[in-house]
C-alpha atoms as a PDB file:
ATOM      1  CA  MET A   1     -41.017  25.645 -71.597  1.00  0.00           C
ATOM      2  CA  PHE A   2     -41.479  28.559 -73.679  1.00  0.00           C
ATOM      3  CA  THR A   3     -41.039  27.913 -77.240  1.00  0.00           C
ATOM      4  CA  GLN A   4     -39.727  31.192 -79.283  1.00  0.00           C
ATOM      5  CA  GLN A   5     -41.751  32.167 -82.309  1.00  0.00           C
ATOM      6  CA  ILE A   6     -40.968  31.054 -85.506  1.00  0.00           C
ATOM      7  CA  SER A   7     -41.559  32.215 -89.233  1.00  0.00           C
ATOM      8  CA  LEU A   8     -44.407  30.598 -91.206  1.00  0.00           C
ATOM      9  CA  ASN A   9     -41.439  28.859 -93.375  1.00  0.00           C
ATOM     10  CA  GLU A  10     -39.831  27.464 -90.254  1.00  0.00           C
ATOM     11  CA  LEU A  11     -42.877  25.344 -89.137  1.00  0.00           C
ATOM     12  CA  GLY A  12     -42.732  22.788 -91.378  1.00  0.00           C
ATOM     13  CA  LEU A  13     -46.193  23.094 -92.933  1.00  0.00           C
ATOM     14  CA  ASP A  14     -47.284  24.273 -96.075  1.00  0.00           C
ATOM     15  CA  SER A  15     -46.987  27.781 -96.100  1.00  0.00           C
ATOM     16  CA  GLU A  16     -49.574  29.093 -98.893  1.00  0.00           C
ATOM     17  CA  LYS A  17     -52.319  27.318 -97.009  1.00  0.00           C
ATOM     18  CA  VAL A  18     -51.224  28.679 -93.545  1.00  0.00           C
ATOM     19  CA  LYS A  19     -51.151  32.170 -95.261  1.00  0.00           C
ATOM     20  CA  THR A  20     -54.785  31.672 -97.177  1.00  0.00           C
ATOM     21  CA  ILE A  21     -55.838  31.360 -93.109  1.00  0.00           C
ATOM     22  CA  ILE A  22     -54.259  33.930 -91.770  1.00  0.00           C
ATOM     23  CA  ASN A  23     -55.226  36.016 -94.693  1.00  0.00           C
ATOM     24  CA  TYR A  24     -59.109  34.919 -94.190  1.00  0.00           C
ATOM     25  CA  CYS A  25     -59.080  36.254 -90.876  1.00  0.00           C
ATOM     26  CA  ARG A  26     -57.566  39.556 -91.324  1.00  0.00           C
ATOM     27  CA  ASP A  27     -60.248  39.829 -94.233  1.00  0.00           C
ATOM     28  CA  GLU A  28     -62.968  39.143 -91.639  1.00  0.00           C
ATOM     29  CA  ASP A  29     -61.520  41.635 -89.373  1.00  0.00           C
ATOM     30  CA  SER A  30     -61.244  38.511 -86.953  1.00  0.00           C
ATOM     31  CA  ASP A  31     -61.161  39.000 -83.003  1.00  0.00           C
ATOM     32  CA  GLU A  32     -59.250  36.117 -82.152  1.00  0.00           C
ATOM     33  CA  VAL A  33     -55.483  35.076 -82.420  1.00  0.00           C
ATOM     34  CA  ILE A  34     -53.588  32.244 -84.634  1.00  0.00           C
ATOM     35  CA  LEU A  35     -51.275  29.735 -82.560  1.00  0.00           C
ATOM     36  CA  ILE A  36     -50.060  27.036 -84.579  1.00  0.00           C
ATOM     37  CA  SER A  37     -47.212  24.506 -82.712  1.00  0.00           C
ATOM     38  CA  LYS A  38     -45.023  22.617 -85.061  1.00  0.00           C
ATOM     39  CA  ASN A  39     -40.926  22.920 -84.907  1.00  0.00           C
ATOM     40  CA  GLY A  40     -41.577  25.908 -83.004  1.00  0.00           C
ATOM     41  CA  MET A  41     -44.439  28.184 -82.723  1.00  0.00           C
ATOM     42  CA  TYR A  42     -46.056  30.581 -84.509  1.00  0.00           C
ATOM     43  CA  HIS A  43     -48.258  33.420 -83.013  1.00  0.00           C
ATOM     44  CA  GLU A  44     -50.284  36.115 -84.881  1.00  0.00           C
ATOM     45  CA  ASN A  45     -52.718  38.331 -82.718  1.00  0.00           C
ATOM     46  CA  PHE A  46     -55.644  40.072 -84.686  1.00  0.00           C
ATOM     47  CA  THR A  47     -57.476  42.042 -81.759  1.00  0.00           C
ATOM     48  CA  ASN A  48     -55.558  44.614 -81.546  1.00  0.00           C
ATOM     49  CA  THR A  49     -55.000  44.497 -77.907  1.00  0.00           C
ATOM     50  CA  ASN A  50     -52.976  42.445 -75.074  1.00  0.00           C
ATOM     51  CA  LYS A  51     -55.586  41.442 -72.999  1.00  0.00           C
ATOM     52  CA  PRO A  52     -56.065  37.634 -72.351  1.00  0.00           C
ATOM     53  CA  ILE A  53     -58.951  36.077 -74.675  1.00  0.00           C
ATOM     54  CA  ALA A  54     -61.198  33.318 -73.395  1.00  0.00           C
ATOM     55  CA  LEU A  55     -60.521  30.137 -74.820  1.00  0.00           C
ATOM     56  CA  ASN A  56     -63.935  28.586 -73.381  1.00  0.00           C
ATOM     57  CA  SER A  57     -64.443  25.215 -74.739  1.00  0.00           C
ATOM     58  CA  LEU A  58     -61.037  25.280 -76.705  1.00  0.00           C
ATOM     59  CA  THR A  59     -59.706  24.504 -73.363  1.00  0.00           C
ATOM     60  CA  LYS A  60     -60.539  21.163 -73.302  1.00  0.00           C
ATOM     61  CA  VAL A  61     -58.567  20.490 -76.404  1.00  0.00           C
ATOM     62  CA  PHE A  62     -55.462  21.751 -74.911  1.00  0.00           C
ATOM     63  CA  ALA A  63     -56.154  19.829 -71.550  1.00  0.00           C
ATOM     64  CA  GLY A  64     -57.209  16.807 -73.660  1.00  0.00           C
ATOM     65  CA  THR A  65     -53.782  16.843 -75.579  1.00  0.00           C
ATOM     66  CA  ALA A  66     -51.733  17.650 -72.147  1.00  0.00           C
ATOM     67  CA  ILE A  67     -53.395  14.329 -70.701  1.00  0.00           C
ATOM     68  CA  GLY A  68     -52.315  12.699 -73.694  1.00  0.00           C
ATOM     69  CA  LEU A  69     -48.757  13.618 -73.543  1.00  0.00           C
ATOM     70  CA  LEU A  70     -49.065  12.896 -69.879  1.00  0.00           C
ATOM     71  CA  LEU A  71     -49.897   9.666 -70.914  1.00  0.00           C
ATOM     72  CA  ASP A  72     -47.698   8.947 -73.396  1.00  0.00           C
ATOM     73  CA  ASP A  73     -44.663   9.890 -71.883  1.00  0.00           C
ATOM     74  CA  GLY A  74     -45.648   7.421 -68.530  1.00  0.00           C
ATOM     75  CA  PHE A  75     -46.145  10.498 -66.401  1.00  0.00           C
ATOM     76  CA  ILE A  76     -49.568   9.129 -66.072  1.00  0.00           C
ATOM     77  CA  PRO A  77     -50.553   5.525 -65.702  1.00  0.00           C
ATOM     78  CA  SER A  78     -54.456   5.380 -66.550  1.00  0.00           C
ATOM     79  CA  LEU A  79     -57.175   7.335 -67.198  1.00  0.00           C
ATOM     80  CA  HIS A  80     -58.664   5.284 -64.896  1.00  0.00           C
ATOM     81  CA  LYS A  81     -56.755   6.025 -61.762  1.00  0.00           C
ATOM     82  CA  PRO A  82     -59.021   7.877 -59.095  1.00  0.00           C
ATOM     83  CA  ILE A  83     -57.738  11.526 -58.862  1.00  0.00           C
ATOM     84  CA  SER A  84     -56.878  10.885 -55.690  1.00  0.00           C
ATOM     85  CA  THR A  85     -53.535   9.258 -56.867  1.00  0.00           C
ATOM     86  CA  PHE A  86     -52.762  12.550 -57.939  1.00  0.00           C
ATOM     87  CA  PHE A  87     -54.401  14.447 -55.109  1.00  0.00           C
ATOM     88  CA  SER A  88     -53.713  12.644 -52.031  1.00  0.00           C
ATOM     89  CA  ASN A  89     -56.287  15.353 -49.677  1.00  0.00           C
ATOM     90  CA  LEU A  90     -58.857  13.670 -51.465  1.00  0.00           C
ATOM     91  CA  ILE A  91     -58.074   9.823 -50.864  1.00  0.00           C
ATOM     92  CA  ASN A  92     -60.958   8.493 -49.027  1.00  0.00           C
ATOM     93  CA  THR A  93     -63.495  10.996 -50.069  1.00  0.00           C
ATOM     94  CA  GLU A  94     -66.293  10.680 -52.942  1.00  0.00           C
ATOM     95  CA  MET A  95     -64.320  13.366 -54.807  1.00  0.00           C
ATOM     96  CA  GLY A  96     -61.402  11.146 -54.922  1.00  0.00           C
ATOM     97  CA  GLU A  97     -63.318   8.373 -56.756  1.00  0.00           C
ATOM     98  CA  ILE A  98     -63.441  10.340 -59.881  1.00  0.00           C
ATOM     99  CA  THR A  99     -61.112   9.133 -62.608  1.00  0.00           C
ATOM    100  CA  LEU A 100     -59.614  11.087 -65.613  1.00  0.00           C
ATOM    101  CA  TRP A 101     -62.043   9.466 -67.663  1.00  0.00           C
ATOM    102  CA  HIS A 102     -64.818  10.784 -66.100  1.00  0.00           C
ATOM    103  CA  ILE A 103     -63.549  14.458 -66.060  1.00  0.00           C
ATOM    104  CA  LEU A 104     -62.535  14.235 -69.829  1.00  0.00           C
ATOM    105  CA  THR A 105     -65.500  12.595 -70.569  1.00  0.00           C
ATOM    106  CA  HIS A 106     -68.088  15.107 -68.880  1.00  0.00           C
ATOM    107  CA  THR A 107     -68.945  12.209 -66.283  1.00  0.00           C
ATOM    108  CA  SER A 108     -67.593  13.234 -63.267  1.00  0.00           C
ATOM    109  CA  GLY A 109     -71.169  13.268 -61.443  1.00  0.00           C
ATOM    110  CA  ILE A 110     -69.915  17.129 -60.451  1.00  0.00           C
ATOM    111  CA  HIS A 111     -72.723  19.514 -60.620  1.00  0.00           C
ATOM    112  CA  THR A 112     -71.774  22.306 -62.727  1.00  0.00           C
ATOM    113  CA  ASP A 113     -74.945  23.463 -64.264  1.00  0.00           C
ATOM    114  CA  GLY A 114     -74.768  27.226 -64.354  1.00  0.00           C
ATOM    115  CA  HIS A 115     -71.431  27.884 -63.008  1.00  0.00           C
ATOM    116  CA  ASP A 116     -69.490  28.931 -65.755  1.00  0.00           C
ATOM    117  CA  ASN A 117     -69.409  32.787 -64.042  1.00  0.00           C
ATOM    118  CA  GLU A 118     -68.701  31.680 -60.837  1.00  0.00           C
ATOM    119  CA  LEU A 119     -65.746  29.342 -62.133  1.00  0.00           C
ATOM    120  CA  SER A 120     -64.310  31.958 -64.213  1.00  0.00           C
ATOM    121  CA  ALA A 121     -64.264  34.404 -61.275  1.00  0.00           C
ATOM    122  CA  ALA A 122     -62.940  32.012 -58.623  1.00  0.00           C
ATOM    123  CA  PRO A 123     -59.293  32.914 -57.421  1.00  0.00           C
ATOM    124  CA  ASN A 124     -58.716  29.190 -57.085  1.00  0.00           C
ATOM    125  CA  ILE A 125     -60.630  27.054 -59.332  1.00  0.00           C
ATOM    126  CA  ALA A 126     -59.165  23.579 -58.215  1.00  0.00           C
ATOM    127  CA  GLU A 127     -60.983  24.491 -54.703  1.00  0.00           C
ATOM    128  CA  TYR A 128     -63.937  25.996 -56.469  1.00  0.00           C
ATOM    129  CA  VAL A 129     -64.752  22.539 -57.988  1.00  0.00           C
ATOM    130  CA  LEU A 130     -63.547  20.583 -55.311  1.00  0.00           C
ATOM    131  CA  ASP A 131     -66.200  22.429 -53.536  1.00  0.00           C
ATOM    132  CA  LEU A 132     -69.145  21.817 -55.661  1.00  0.00           C
ATOM    133  CA  PRO A 133     -71.604  18.757 -55.060  1.00  0.00           C
ATOM    134  CA  ILE A 134     -71.443  15.300 -56.535  1.00  0.00           C
ATOM    135  CA  THR A 135     -75.122  14.589 -57.674  1.00  0.00           C
ATOM    136  CA  ASP A 136     -74.554  11.849 -59.521  1.00  0.00           C
ATOM    137  CA  THR A 137     -72.234   8.657 -59.452  1.00  0.00           C
ATOM    138  CA  PRO A 138     -69.305   9.163 -61.683  1.00  0.00           C
ATOM    139  CA  GLY A 139     -69.500   7.587 -65.088  1.00  0.00           C
ATOM    140  CA  THR A 140     -73.371   6.867 -64.992  1.00  0.00           C
ATOM    141  CA  VAL A 141     -74.217  10.692 -66.468  1.00  0.00           C
ATOM    142  CA  SER A 142     -73.213  13.291 -69.509  1.00  0.00           C
END
């Protein structure tokens, strides 16, 4: 669900502290975006562009938060269920035995070294990852 942008005062946070962060971003000529979600959404773009911004490792924070919320709401029964629980096409495959825990802790065993550019360019990221080889037993190497 899309949340409408709200003012700093509506966030329910110390607006002076948030203004300090925003002013710092402005003063430093930041090339990023600030996004605060509490009682709504506050967003400010310091990039002077509407082009998408690569979030790189920050994506893990969003993914982990989403998984935590899904767990809390009961949509995911456990981090230790095989991913084939969610992707039936992976039942009875080596990939299907990987768990959400393995993915979140970078211990899936999927070989990914040097694949950042290919991953970013893949038309279907899920298919790209599912085609990668498993080189280590899930849960053994990070």
